[in-house]
Each structure stands twice: as structure tokens, then as C-alpha cells.
Amino acid sequence: MREVHHVAFSVRDLAASKYFYGEVVGLKETLNAEVGGDEIEASLRLRPGMTGQVAYFQGPTQLGQIELIQWQPAVDQPTPPKRPGDPGVFLLSIAVSKAELDELWARMQRMNVPVYSPPTRSILENYGPIDVFIVEDPDGVMIEFVSLPTREQIKAFRAKS
């Protein structure tokens, strides 16, 4: 298997989601497009005539992207985002350095973004310490910002264990 190319999120309000992932999170918008037509309808099992406005975002490594899609017409009964214990994807984790984590935390505070808790340090068995905090995007999707140990730090941690 190769790297994950992208993860797609259906969103209620593309402008609000673009603001969150671009201005709040700091990812770079790389593509805008409209999708629709027979091929898309067939491949995604869309209702006939359904179209989507798409925006892609990615970080500085350019590995993996977030695709935001606002569908028209919208579904009649949207489902709530997944939560831990509910089968399916419930969280998107974005790796950042410790300095970036601290800067993102400060930015979230300045921009009044609701957060679950301040950055917290956890020790993962056979891995080492991680620093993490979680927010929700405009549609309630849990977004985790995590600062991970380097390979050298992991090796040193395992050597002590």
C-alpha cells in the first residue's frame, strides 16, 4: 500500500469549512472544482443530478489531502459525526511539531475555537510521549493535533522500558 492520497468530508457550508481548514488550521488550499455527471453519480452512487463543489487542502509535506465537498441538493436528514465506539471514522489526526502544537493551541484560543481540553501529554506504551489536543470542525468532525516523538526518541524510550 502507498500513502493515503486524501480523505473526503461532506460539509454543510463549504465557505465555513474552507475558513476552518485554511485560516484556522493553516493548511493550503490546492484545488477547487465542481463534480457531477454520470460517471461521478455511478462511482459514488449519487442521486441523479447531484453535484458537489470541492476544495482540497494539504500541509507542507504534500502527503495526504483533505477534500471538502458541499453536495447539492443536500441530503434531507444529515447524520451526526461519528464518535468513539461508533463504527467508522471518528477522528482525523494531524501530526505537528511541538512548536506548531503550541502555536495552534494559541491560535484556537484567539479565534474562540471550541477545544476538548488543553494540550495533554500521554505516554503510549512501547512508543513514548505524545502531546495532543482535539477540536471540532464546523460540521462536528473531531480533529486531533498531535506532536509525536522522533524515531530516535522512540528508540530511546523503548531502550528504557
C-alpha atoms as a PDB file:
ATOM      1  CA  MET A   1       0.000   0.000   0.000  1.00  0.00           C
ATOM      2  CA  ARG A   2       1.124   3.531  -0.671  1.00  0.00           C
ATOM      3  CA  GLU A   3       0.347   6.705   1.257  1.00  0.00           C
ATOM      4  CA  VAL A   4      -3.219   7.816   1.763  1.00  0.00           C
ATOM      5  CA  HIS A   5      -3.970  10.255  -1.069  1.00  0.00           C
ATOM      6  CA  HIS A   6      -6.897  12.084   0.513  1.00  0.00           C
ATOM      7  CA  VAL A   7      -9.801  11.895   2.908  1.00  0.00           C
ATOM      8  CA  ALA A   8     -13.136  13.347   1.752  1.00  0.00           C
ATOM      9  CA  PHE A   9     -15.579  15.156   4.039  1.00  0.00           C
ATOM     10  CA  SER A  10     -19.111  16.091   3.085  1.00  0.00           C
ATOM     11  CA  VAL A  11     -19.706  19.560   4.535  1.00  0.00           C
ATOM     12  CA  ARG A  12     -22.804  21.682   5.093  1.00  0.00           C
ATOM     13  CA  ASP A  13     -21.126  25.038   4.413  1.00  0.00           C
ATOM     14  CA  LEU A  14     -18.067  24.960   2.146  1.00  0.00           C
ATOM     15  CA  ALA A  15     -17.090  28.562   2.949  1.00  0.00           C
ATOM     16  CA  ALA A  16     -17.078  27.870   6.716  1.00  0.00           C
ATOM     17  CA  SER A  17     -15.088  24.661   6.254  1.00  0.00           C
ATOM     18  CA  LYS A  18     -12.587  26.356   3.926  1.00  0.00           C
ATOM     19  CA  TYR A  19     -12.077  29.076   6.532  1.00  0.00           C
ATOM     20  CA  PHE A  20     -11.539  26.498   9.286  1.00  0.00           C
ATOM     21  CA  TYR A  21      -9.036  24.308   7.405  1.00  0.00           C
ATOM     22  CA  GLY A  22      -7.293  27.224   5.696  1.00  0.00           C
ATOM     23  CA  GLU A  23      -7.244  30.125   8.161  1.00  0.00           C
ATOM     24  CA  VAL A  24      -7.688  28.345  11.498  1.00  0.00           C
ATOM     25  CA  VAL A  25      -5.724  25.124  10.888  1.00  0.00           C
ATOM     26  CA  GLY A  26      -3.309  26.699   8.401  1.00  0.00           C
ATOM     27  CA  LEU A  27      -3.497  24.204   5.546  1.00  0.00           C
ATOM     28  CA  LYS A  28      -3.015  25.342   1.953  1.00  0.00           C
ATOM     29  CA  GLU A  29      -5.928  25.211  -0.480  1.00  0.00           C
ATOM     30  CA  THR A  30      -4.694  23.406  -3.596  1.00  0.00           C
ATOM     31  CA  LEU A  31      -7.729  22.768  -5.791  1.00  0.00           C
ATOM     32  CA  ASN A  32     -11.287  23.927  -6.414  1.00  0.00           C
ATOM     33  CA  ALA A  33     -13.632  22.075  -8.743  1.00  0.00           C
ATOM     34  CA  GLU A  34     -17.215  21.143  -9.383  1.00  0.00           C
ATOM     35  CA  VAL A  35     -18.007  17.444  -9.667  1.00  0.00           C
ATOM     36  CA  GLY A  36     -21.044  15.759 -11.135  1.00  0.00           C
ATOM     37  CA  GLY A  37     -22.282  13.872 -14.130  1.00  0.00           C
ATOM     38  CA  ASP A  38     -22.981  10.259 -14.977  1.00  0.00           C
ATOM     39  CA  GLU A  39     -19.533   8.888 -14.055  1.00  0.00           C
ATOM     40  CA  ILE A  40     -19.487  10.537 -10.607  1.00  0.00           C
ATOM     41  CA  GLU A  41     -23.107   9.556  -9.976  1.00  0.00           C
ATOM     42  CA  ALA A  42     -22.286   5.931 -10.819  1.00  0.00           C
ATOM     43  CA  SER A  43     -18.978   5.723  -8.933  1.00  0.00           C
ATOM     44  CA  LEU A  44     -20.332   7.340  -5.733  1.00  0.00           C
ATOM     45  CA  ARG A  45     -23.918   6.063  -6.095  1.00  0.00           C
ATOM     46  CA  LEU A  46     -25.260   9.608  -6.054  1.00  0.00           C
ATOM     47  CA  ARG A  47     -28.850  10.566  -6.661  1.00  0.00           C
ATOM     48  CA  PRO A  48     -29.339  11.636 -10.280  1.00  0.00           C
ATOM     49  CA  GLY A  49     -28.458  15.291 -10.755  1.00  0.00           C
ATOM     50  CA  MET A  50     -26.454  15.573  -7.528  1.00  0.00           C
ATOM     51  CA  THR A  51     -23.321  17.727  -7.839  1.00  0.00           C
ATOM     52  CA  GLY A  52     -20.589  18.804  -5.495  1.00  0.00           C
ATOM     53  CA  GLN A  53     -18.383  21.833  -5.045  1.00  0.00           C
ATOM     54  CA  VAL A  54     -14.940  20.603  -3.997  1.00  0.00           C
ATOM     55  CA  ALA A  55     -11.936  22.177  -2.263  1.00  0.00           C
ATOM     56  CA  TYR A  56      -8.702  20.336  -1.435  1.00  0.00           C
ATOM     57  CA  PHE A  57      -6.297  21.290   1.371  1.00  0.00           C
ATOM     58  CA  GLN A  58      -2.879  19.952   2.299  1.00  0.00           C
ATOM     59  CA  GLY A  59       0.019  20.587   4.633  1.00  0.00           C
ATOM     60  CA  PRO A  60       3.641  21.425   3.851  1.00  0.00           C
ATOM     61  CA  THR A  61       4.749  17.810   3.257  1.00  0.00           C
ATOM     62  CA  GLN A  62       2.170  17.488   0.459  1.00  0.00           C
ATOM     63  CA  LEU A  63       1.414  13.936   1.611  1.00  0.00           C
ATOM     64  CA  GLY A  64      -2.276  13.352   2.018  1.00  0.00           C
ATOM     65  CA  GLN A  65      -5.018  15.880   1.449  1.00  0.00           C
ATOM     66  CA  ILE A  66      -8.366  16.810   2.902  1.00  0.00           C
ATOM     67  CA  GLU A  67     -11.165  17.057   0.347  1.00  0.00           C
ATOM     68  CA  LEU A  68     -14.182  19.111   1.356  1.00  0.00           C
ATOM     69  CA  ILE A  69     -17.374  18.648  -0.680  1.00  0.00           C
ATOM     70  CA  GLN A  70     -20.633  20.540  -0.386  1.00  0.00           C
ATOM     71  CA  TRP A  71     -23.290  18.496  -2.174  1.00  0.00           C
ATOM     72  CA  GLN A  72     -26.344  19.893  -3.976  1.00  0.00           C
ATOM     73  CA  PRO A  73     -29.037  19.102  -3.303  1.00  0.00           C
ATOM     74  CA  ALA A  74     -28.128  18.386   0.315  1.00  0.00           C
ATOM     75  CA  VAL A  75     -29.446  15.225   1.962  1.00  0.00           C
ATOM     76  CA  ASP A  76     -32.772  15.569   3.767  1.00  0.00           C
ATOM     77  CA  GLN A  77     -31.644  14.009   7.065  1.00  0.00           C
ATOM     78  CA  PRO A  78     -27.907  14.530   7.709  1.00  0.00           C
ATOM     79  CA  THR A  79     -26.365  12.121  10.209  1.00  0.00           C
ATOM     80  CA  PRO A  80     -24.246  13.319  13.128  1.00  0.00           C
ATOM     81  CA  PRO A  81     -20.467  12.842  13.028  1.00  0.00           C
ATOM     82  CA  LYS A  82     -19.094   9.568  14.343  1.00  0.00           C
ATOM     83  CA  ARG A  83     -17.905   9.358  17.951  1.00  0.00           C
ATOM     84  CA  PRO A  84     -15.551   6.915  19.702  1.00  0.00           C
ATOM     85  CA  GLY A  85     -17.187   3.490  19.892  1.00  0.00           C
ATOM     86  CA  ASP A  86     -19.455   4.129  16.883  1.00  0.00           C
ATOM     87  CA  PRO A  87     -18.046   2.038  13.985  1.00  0.00           C
ATOM     88  CA  GLY A  88     -16.486   4.153  11.267  1.00  0.00           C
ATOM     89  CA  VAL A  89     -14.045   7.034  11.088  1.00  0.00           C
ATOM     90  CA  PHE A  90     -14.497   9.293  14.113  1.00  0.00           C
ATOM     91  CA  LEU A  91     -11.332  11.401  14.117  1.00  0.00           C
ATOM     92  CA  LEU A  92      -8.792  12.972  11.778  1.00  0.00           C
ATOM     93  CA  SER A  93      -5.308  13.227  13.292  1.00  0.00           C
ATOM     94  CA  ILE A  94      -2.871  15.853  12.024  1.00  0.00           C
ATOM     95  CA  ALA A  95       0.783  15.453  13.045  1.00  0.00           C
ATOM     96  CA  VAL A  96       2.569  18.668  14.021  1.00  0.00           C
ATOM     97  CA  SER A  97       5.787  19.598  15.814  1.00  0.00           C
ATOM     98  CA  LYS A  98       5.642  20.598  19.480  1.00  0.00           C
ATOM     99  CA  ALA A  99       6.172  24.251  18.488  1.00  0.00           C
ATOM    100  CA  GLU A 100       3.347  24.015  15.926  1.00  0.00           C
ATOM    101  CA  LEU A 101       1.099  22.373  18.516  1.00  0.00           C
ATOM    102  CA  ASP A 102       1.681  25.252  20.923  1.00  0.00           C
ATOM    103  CA  GLU A 103       1.086  27.818  18.152  1.00  0.00           C
ATOM    104  CA  LEU A 104      -2.112  26.055  17.027  1.00  0.00           C
ATOM    105  CA  TRP A 105      -3.352  25.977  20.631  1.00  0.00           C
ATOM    106  CA  ALA A 106      -2.754  29.723  20.955  1.00  0.00           C
ATOM    107  CA  ARG A 107      -4.481  30.341  17.597  1.00  0.00           C
ATOM    108  CA  MET A 108      -7.505  28.255  18.647  1.00  0.00           C
ATOM    109  CA  GLN A 109      -7.771  30.321  21.829  1.00  0.00           C
ATOM    110  CA  ARG A 110      -7.521  33.636  19.919  1.00  0.00           C
ATOM    111  CA  MET A 111     -10.132  32.503  17.378  1.00  0.00           C
ATOM    112  CA  ASN A 112     -12.501  31.109  20.044  1.00  0.00           C
ATOM    113  CA  VAL A 113     -12.498  27.614  18.541  1.00  0.00           C
ATOM    114  CA  PRO A 114     -14.080  25.160  20.999  1.00  0.00           C
ATOM    115  CA  VAL A 115     -11.492  22.646  22.205  1.00  0.00           C
ATOM    116  CA  TYR A 116     -11.927  19.450  24.215  1.00  0.00           C
ATOM    117  CA  SER A 117      -9.032  20.177  26.578  1.00  0.00           C
ATOM    118  CA  PRO A 118      -5.685  21.961  26.649  1.00  0.00           C
ATOM    119  CA  PRO A 119      -2.714  20.148  25.124  1.00  0.00           C
ATOM    120  CA  THR A 120      -2.202  16.979  27.142  1.00  0.00           C
ATOM    121  CA  ARG A 121       0.823  14.711  27.376  1.00  0.00           C
ATOM    122  CA  SER A 122       0.195  10.969  27.242  1.00  0.00           C
ATOM    123  CA  ILE A 123       2.675   8.131  27.355  1.00  0.00           C
ATOM    124  CA  LEU A 124       1.926   5.424  24.810  1.00  0.00           C
ATOM    125  CA  GLU A 125       3.217   2.003  25.765  1.00  0.00           C
ATOM    126  CA  ASN A 126       6.247   0.962  23.691  1.00  0.00           C
ATOM    127  CA  TYR A 127       6.164   4.317  21.872  1.00  0.00           C
ATOM    128  CA  GLY A 128       6.740   7.250  24.189  1.00  0.00           C
ATOM    129  CA  PRO A 129       5.224  10.616  24.967  1.00  0.00           C
ATOM    130  CA  ILE A 130       2.779  12.419  22.701  1.00  0.00           C
ATOM    131  CA  ASP A 131       1.228  15.856  23.166  1.00  0.00           C
ATOM    132  CA  VAL A 132      -2.296  16.264  21.845  1.00  0.00           C
ATOM    133  CA  PHE A 133      -5.446  18.363  21.813  1.00  0.00           C
ATOM    134  CA  ILE A 134      -8.746  17.944  19.952  1.00  0.00           C
ATOM    135  CA  VAL A 135     -11.175  20.404  18.376  1.00  0.00           C
ATOM    136  CA  GLU A 136     -14.230  20.042  16.153  1.00  0.00           C
ATOM    137  CA  ASP A 137     -14.508  21.387  12.635  1.00  0.00           C
ATOM    138  CA  PRO A 138     -17.653  23.325  11.583  1.00  0.00           C
ATOM    139  CA  ASP A 139     -19.529  20.045  10.999  1.00  0.00           C
ATOM    140  CA  GLY A 140     -18.534  18.493  14.333  1.00  0.00           C
ATOM    141  CA  VAL A 141     -15.785  16.205  12.994  1.00  0.00           C
ATOM    142  CA  MET A 142     -13.141  15.601  15.663  1.00  0.00           C
ATOM    143  CA  ILE A 143      -9.728  16.943  14.607  1.00  0.00           C
ATOM    144  CA  GLU A 144      -6.706  15.870  16.674  1.00  0.00           C
ATOM    145  CA  PHE A 145      -3.455  17.802  16.603  1.00  0.00           C
ATOM    146  CA  VAL A 146      -0.644  15.583  17.839  1.00  0.00           C
ATOM    147  CA  SER A 147       3.061  16.079  18.401  1.00  0.00           C
ATOM    148  CA  LEU A 148       4.827  12.729  18.091  1.00  0.00           C
ATOM    149  CA  PRO A 149       8.272  11.614  19.234  1.00  0.00           C
ATOM    150  CA  THR A 150      11.043  11.229  16.662  1.00  0.00           C
ATOM    151  CA  ARG A 151      12.315   7.777  15.709  1.00  0.00           C
ATOM    152  CA  GLU A 152      15.337   8.383  17.910  1.00  0.00           C
ATOM    153  CA  GLN A 153      13.121   9.334  20.859  1.00  0.00           C
ATOM    154  CA  ILE A 154      11.012   6.204  20.323  1.00  0.00           C
ATOM    155  CA  LYS A 155      14.148   4.013  20.266  1.00  0.00           C
ATOM    156  CA  ALA A 156      15.448   5.669  23.452  1.00  0.00           C
ATOM    157  CA  PHE A 157      12.058   5.217  25.137  1.00  0.00           C
ATOM    158  CA  ARG A 158      11.955   1.528  24.204  1.00  0.00           C
ATOM    159  CA  ALA A 159      15.516   1.022  25.401  1.00  0.00           C
ATOM    160  CA  LYS A 160      14.498   2.321  28.862  1.00  0.00           C
ATOM    161  CA  SER A 161      11.403   0.083  29.019  1.00  0.00           C
END
